[in-house]
C-alpha cells in the first residue's frame, strides 16, 4: 500500500484561502477605503450583513450595514432619501475601520 504514494521533501505549504474567488467580485470590500460606501438594492440588511461578516473575517477592515435608499445615476448607485423619484430601498455597506 505504501508504494502508491511518494513522499516529497521541502514542498512549501500554500496559504489558506478562506475567501472564494467569486466573492471578491460580488461585493467590492477589498477596494474600499475608510468611509467608503456601496449600495445593494432590494436586499435586506439582515442578509447582506450576514454575508459581509462572513467574507470580511479574513480582512483587517471592519464594515457595517444599515437600511438605505439609493438612486441609479450613470450606472452607479448613489445615496438618496426615501420618497425621492427613482429611489430604491436596499442596504448600504460602509467601511468603518
N, C-alpha and C. Protein backbone atom coordinates (compact mmCIF):
# COMPACT_ATOMS: atom_id res chain seq x y z
N UNK A 1 0.81 -1.19 0.00
CA UNK A 1 0.00 0.00 0.00
C UNK A 1 0.86 1.26 0.00
N UNK A 2 1.97 1.27 0.73
CA UNK A 2 2.81 2.46 0.80
C UNK A 2 3.53 2.75 -0.51
N UNK A 3 3.53 1.82 -1.42
CA UNK A 3 4.17 2.01 -2.71
C UNK A 3 3.36 2.92 -3.63
N UNK A 4 2.09 3.18 -3.30
CA UNK A 4 1.23 4.03 -4.13
C UNK A 4 1.51 5.51 -3.93
N UNK A 5 2.14 5.89 -2.83
CA UNK A 5 2.34 7.29 -2.52
C UNK A 5 3.82 7.59 -2.41
N UNK A 6 4.25 8.69 -3.04
CA UNK A 6 5.64 9.14 -2.95
C UNK A 6 5.72 10.30 -1.99
N UNK A 7 6.67 10.27 -1.11
CA UNK A 7 6.90 11.36 -0.18
C UNK A 7 7.92 12.30 -0.81
N UNK A 8 7.56 13.60 -0.88
CA UNK A 8 8.44 14.60 -1.44
C UNK A 8 8.80 15.57 -0.33
N UNK A 9 10.07 15.82 -0.11
CA UNK A 9 10.52 16.71 0.96
C UNK A 9 10.66 18.14 0.45
N UNK A 10 10.42 19.10 1.34
CA UNK A 10 10.67 20.51 1.04
C UNK A 10 9.61 21.21 0.21
N UNK A 11 8.41 20.68 0.11
CA UNK A 11 7.34 21.34 -0.65
C UNK A 11 6.67 22.37 0.26
N UNK A 12 6.66 23.66 -0.14
CA UNK A 12 6.08 24.69 0.72
C UNK A 12 4.56 24.54 0.82
N UNK A 13 4.03 24.84 1.99
CA UNK A 13 2.60 24.78 2.23
C UNK A 13 1.94 26.03 1.64
N UNK A 14 0.91 25.88 0.79
CA UNK A 14 0.25 27.06 0.23
C UNK A 14 -0.54 27.80 1.31
N UNK A 15 -0.75 29.11 1.13
CA UNK A 15 -1.51 29.86 2.13
C UNK A 15 -2.98 29.43 2.14
N UNK A 16 -3.63 29.64 3.27
CA UNK A 16 -5.05 29.32 3.39
C UNK A 16 -5.83 30.39 2.65
N UNK A 17 -6.74 29.96 1.81
CA UNK A 17 -7.60 30.88 1.08
C UNK A 17 -9.02 30.61 1.52
N UNK A 18 -9.50 31.37 2.49
CA UNK A 18 -10.84 31.15 3.02
C UNK A 18 -11.91 31.83 2.19
N UNK A 19 -11.52 32.81 1.38
CA UNK A 19 -12.49 33.55 0.60
C UNK A 19 -12.51 33.03 -0.83
N UNK A 20 -13.65 32.47 -1.28
CA UNK A 20 -13.72 32.01 -2.66
C UNK A 20 -13.46 33.14 -3.64
N UNK A 21 -12.91 32.83 -4.79
CA UNK A 21 -12.54 33.87 -5.75
C UNK A 21 -13.74 34.67 -6.23
N UNK A 22 -14.91 34.08 -6.36
CA UNK A 22 -16.09 34.80 -6.83
C UNK A 22 -16.61 35.82 -5.85
N UNK A 23 -16.32 35.66 -4.56
CA UNK A 23 -16.82 36.57 -3.53
C UNK A 23 -16.27 37.96 -3.72
N UNK A 24 -15.02 38.07 -4.03
CA UNK A 24 -14.40 39.38 -4.17
C UNK A 24 -15.04 40.18 -5.30
N UNK A 25 -15.56 39.49 -6.29
CA UNK A 25 -16.20 40.20 -7.39
C UNK A 25 -17.63 40.59 -7.06
N UNK A 26 -18.28 39.87 -6.17
CA UNK A 26 -19.68 40.17 -5.86
C UNK A 26 -19.81 41.50 -5.11
N UNK A 27 -19.04 41.67 -4.05
CA UNK A 27 -19.06 42.92 -3.29
C UNK A 27 -17.63 43.45 -3.24
N UNK A 28 -17.44 44.74 -3.45
CA UNK A 28 -16.09 45.31 -3.59
C UNK A 28 -15.41 45.67 -2.27
N UNK A 29 -15.50 44.84 -1.24
CA UNK A 29 -14.93 45.22 0.05
C UNK A 29 -13.41 45.34 0.02
N UNK A 30 -12.75 44.60 -0.87
CA UNK A 30 -11.29 44.67 -0.94
C UNK A 30 -10.81 46.01 -1.48
N UNK A 31 -11.67 46.73 -2.21
CA UNK A 31 -11.28 48.01 -2.83
C UNK A 31 -11.72 49.22 -2.02
N UNK A 32 -12.29 49.01 -0.84
CA UNK A 32 -12.87 50.12 -0.08
C UNK A 32 -11.85 50.77 0.84
N UNK A 33 -11.90 52.10 0.88
CA UNK A 33 -11.11 52.89 1.83
C UNK A 33 -12.02 53.28 2.99
N UNK A 34 -11.44 53.73 4.07
CA UNK A 34 -12.19 54.14 5.24
C UNK A 34 -13.23 55.19 4.84
N UNK A 35 -14.48 54.96 5.22
CA UNK A 35 -15.57 55.89 4.92
C UNK A 35 -16.28 55.62 3.60
N UNK A 36 -15.79 54.68 2.80
CA UNK A 36 -16.44 54.35 1.52
C UNK A 36 -17.75 53.62 1.77
N UNK A 37 -18.63 53.69 0.77
CA UNK A 37 -19.98 53.13 0.85
C UNK A 37 -20.34 52.47 -0.46
N UNK A 38 -21.08 51.39 -0.41
CA UNK A 38 -21.73 50.88 -1.61
C UNK A 38 -23.13 50.41 -1.24
N UNK A 39 -23.98 50.31 -2.26
CA UNK A 39 -25.40 50.04 -2.07
C UNK A 39 -25.78 48.72 -2.72
N UNK A 40 -26.57 47.92 -1.99
CA UNK A 40 -27.09 46.66 -2.50
C UNK A 40 -28.61 46.83 -2.62
N UNK A 41 -29.12 47.04 -3.83
CA UNK A 41 -30.55 47.31 -3.97
C UNK A 41 -31.41 46.08 -3.76
N UNK A 42 -32.56 46.29 -3.09
CA UNK A 42 -33.53 45.23 -2.94
C UNK A 42 -33.17 44.09 -2.01
N UNK A 43 -32.11 44.20 -1.25
CA UNK A 43 -31.69 43.14 -0.34
C UNK A 43 -31.88 43.61 1.09
N UNK A 44 -32.28 42.68 1.96
CA UNK A 44 -32.48 43.02 3.36
C UNK A 44 -31.14 43.25 4.05
N UNK A 45 -31.16 44.11 5.04
CA UNK A 45 -29.94 44.39 5.80
C UNK A 45 -29.45 43.14 6.52
N UNK A 46 -30.38 42.32 6.99
CA UNK A 46 -30.00 41.10 7.70
C UNK A 46 -29.21 40.15 6.80
N UNK A 47 -29.66 39.94 5.56
CA UNK A 47 -28.97 39.01 4.68
C UNK A 47 -27.62 39.56 4.23
N UNK A 48 -27.57 40.85 3.91
CA UNK A 48 -26.30 41.45 3.47
C UNK A 48 -25.31 41.48 4.63
N UNK A 49 -25.78 41.81 5.83
CA UNK A 49 -24.91 41.86 7.00
C UNK A 49 -24.28 40.51 7.29
N UNK A 50 -25.07 39.45 7.20
CA UNK A 50 -24.54 38.10 7.45
C UNK A 50 -23.48 37.75 6.41
N UNK A 51 -23.74 38.09 5.17
CA UNK A 51 -22.79 37.79 4.09
C UNK A 51 -21.50 38.59 4.25
N UNK A 52 -21.62 39.89 4.53
CA UNK A 52 -20.45 40.75 4.71
C UNK A 52 -19.61 40.28 5.89
N UNK A 53 -20.24 39.94 7.00
CA UNK A 53 -19.46 39.49 8.17
C UNK A 53 -18.72 38.21 7.86
N UNK A 54 -19.32 37.34 7.07
CA UNK A 54 -18.66 36.07 6.72
C UNK A 54 -17.46 36.30 5.80
N UNK A 55 -17.60 37.15 4.78
CA UNK A 55 -16.48 37.33 3.85
C UNK A 55 -15.42 38.29 4.39
N UNK A 56 -15.77 39.10 5.40
CA UNK A 56 -14.81 40.06 5.94
C UNK A 56 -13.97 39.48 7.07
N UNK A 57 -14.18 38.23 7.44
CA UNK A 57 -13.41 37.61 8.53
C UNK A 57 -11.92 37.60 8.25
N UNK A 58 -11.54 37.49 6.99
CA UNK A 58 -10.11 37.44 6.65
C UNK A 58 -9.56 38.83 6.37
N UNK A 59 -10.37 39.86 6.48
CA UNK A 59 -9.94 41.22 6.21
C UNK A 59 -9.64 41.95 7.51
N UNK A 60 -8.60 42.79 7.54
CA UNK A 60 -8.33 43.57 8.74
C UNK A 60 -9.31 44.74 8.89
N UNK A 61 -10.07 45.04 7.86
CA UNK A 61 -11.03 46.14 7.88
C UNK A 61 -12.32 45.70 8.56
N UNK A 62 -13.11 46.70 9.01
CA UNK A 62 -14.42 46.43 9.60
C UNK A 62 -15.48 47.15 8.80
N UNK A 63 -16.65 46.53 8.72
CA UNK A 63 -17.74 47.06 7.91
C UNK A 63 -19.01 47.08 8.73
N UNK A 64 -19.94 47.97 8.35
CA UNK A 64 -21.25 48.00 8.97
C UNK A 64 -22.30 48.13 7.88
N UNK A 65 -23.49 47.62 8.16
CA UNK A 65 -24.59 47.70 7.20
C UNK A 65 -25.77 48.41 7.86
N UNK A 66 -26.52 49.13 7.05
CA UNK A 66 -27.72 49.83 7.51
C UNK A 66 -28.75 49.83 6.38
N UNK A 67 -30.04 49.87 6.74
CA UNK A 67 -31.04 50.08 5.69
C UNK A 67 -30.75 51.41 5.01
N UNK A 68 -30.88 51.46 3.71
CA UNK A 68 -30.55 52.67 2.96
C UNK A 68 -31.40 52.77 1.70
N UNK A 69 -31.36 53.94 1.07
CA UNK A 69 -32.04 54.18 -0.19
C UNK A 69 -31.00 54.64 -1.19
N UNK A 70 -31.17 54.23 -2.43
CA UNK A 70 -30.24 54.63 -3.47
C UNK A 70 -30.94 54.91 -4.78
N UNK A 71 -30.30 55.71 -5.61
CA UNK A 71 -30.77 56.03 -6.95
C UNK A 71 -29.65 55.68 -7.92
N UNK A 72 -30.01 55.05 -9.02
CA UNK A 72 -29.01 54.71 -10.04
C UNK A 72 -28.74 55.97 -10.87
N UNK A 73 -27.46 56.36 -10.90
CA UNK A 73 -27.04 57.56 -11.61
C UNK A 73 -25.81 57.22 -12.45
N UNK A 74 -25.94 57.24 -13.76
CA UNK A 74 -24.82 56.90 -14.66
C UNK A 74 -24.23 55.54 -14.34
N UNK A 75 -25.10 54.53 -14.21
CA UNK A 75 -24.67 53.15 -13.97
C UNK A 75 -24.03 52.92 -12.60
N UNK A 76 -24.22 53.83 -11.66
CA UNK A 76 -23.69 53.66 -10.31
C UNK A 76 -24.78 54.07 -9.31
N UNK A 77 -24.81 53.39 -8.18
CA UNK A 77 -25.78 53.73 -7.14
C UNK A 77 -25.23 54.85 -6.27
N UNK A 78 -26.06 55.88 -6.03
CA UNK A 78 -25.70 56.98 -5.15
C UNK A 78 -26.74 57.06 -4.04
N UNK A 79 -26.35 57.55 -2.86
CA UNK A 79 -27.31 57.63 -1.74
C UNK A 79 -28.46 58.58 -2.06
N UNK A 80 -29.63 58.27 -1.54
CA UNK A 80 -30.79 59.14 -1.70
C UNK A 80 -31.63 59.07 -0.43
N UNK A 81 -32.73 59.81 -0.46
CA UNK A 81 -33.65 59.81 0.67
C UNK A 81 -34.91 59.06 0.27
N UNK A 82 -35.60 58.47 1.24
CA UNK A 82 -36.85 57.78 0.91
C UNK A 82 -37.84 58.76 0.28
N UNK A 83 -38.54 58.30 -0.72
CA UNK A 83 -39.54 59.14 -1.36
C UNK A 83 -39.04 59.93 -2.55
N UNK A 84 -37.73 60.01 -2.76
CA UNK A 84 -37.21 60.69 -3.94
C UNK A 84 -37.60 59.91 -5.18
N UNK A 85 -37.88 60.59 -6.29
CA UNK A 85 -38.24 59.86 -7.51
C UNK A 85 -37.11 58.92 -7.94
N UNK A 86 -37.44 57.67 -8.18
CA UNK A 86 -36.46 56.67 -8.60
C UNK A 86 -35.69 56.01 -7.48
N UNK A 87 -35.97 56.39 -6.23
CA UNK A 87 -35.25 55.82 -5.08
C UNK A 87 -35.67 54.37 -4.86
N UNK A 88 -34.69 53.53 -4.54
CA UNK A 88 -34.90 52.10 -4.31
C UNK A 88 -34.42 51.77 -2.91
N UNK A 89 -35.20 50.96 -2.20
CA UNK A 89 -34.80 50.54 -0.86
C UNK A 89 -33.83 49.37 -0.96
N UNK A 90 -32.87 49.35 -0.06
CA UNK A 90 -31.88 48.27 -0.03
C UNK A 90 -31.02 48.38 1.20
N UNK A 91 -29.77 48.01 1.06
CA UNK A 91 -28.82 48.03 2.18
C UNK A 91 -27.56 48.77 1.78
N UNK A 92 -27.10 49.66 2.65
CA UNK A 92 -25.83 50.34 2.46
C UNK A 92 -24.75 49.64 3.28
N UNK A 93 -23.55 49.56 2.71
CA UNK A 93 -22.41 48.94 3.40
C UNK A 93 -21.31 49.98 3.48
N UNK A 94 -20.83 50.26 4.70
CA UNK A 94 -19.78 51.24 4.94
C UNK A 94 -18.56 50.54 5.52
N UNK A 95 -17.37 51.03 5.13
CA UNK A 95 -16.15 50.58 5.80
C UNK A 95 -15.92 51.56 6.95
N UNK A 96 -15.82 51.03 8.17
CA UNK A 96 -15.71 51.88 9.36
C UNK A 96 -14.34 51.81 10.02
N UNK A 97 -13.53 50.83 9.70
CA UNK A 97 -12.16 50.74 10.23
C UNK A 97 -11.26 50.19 9.17
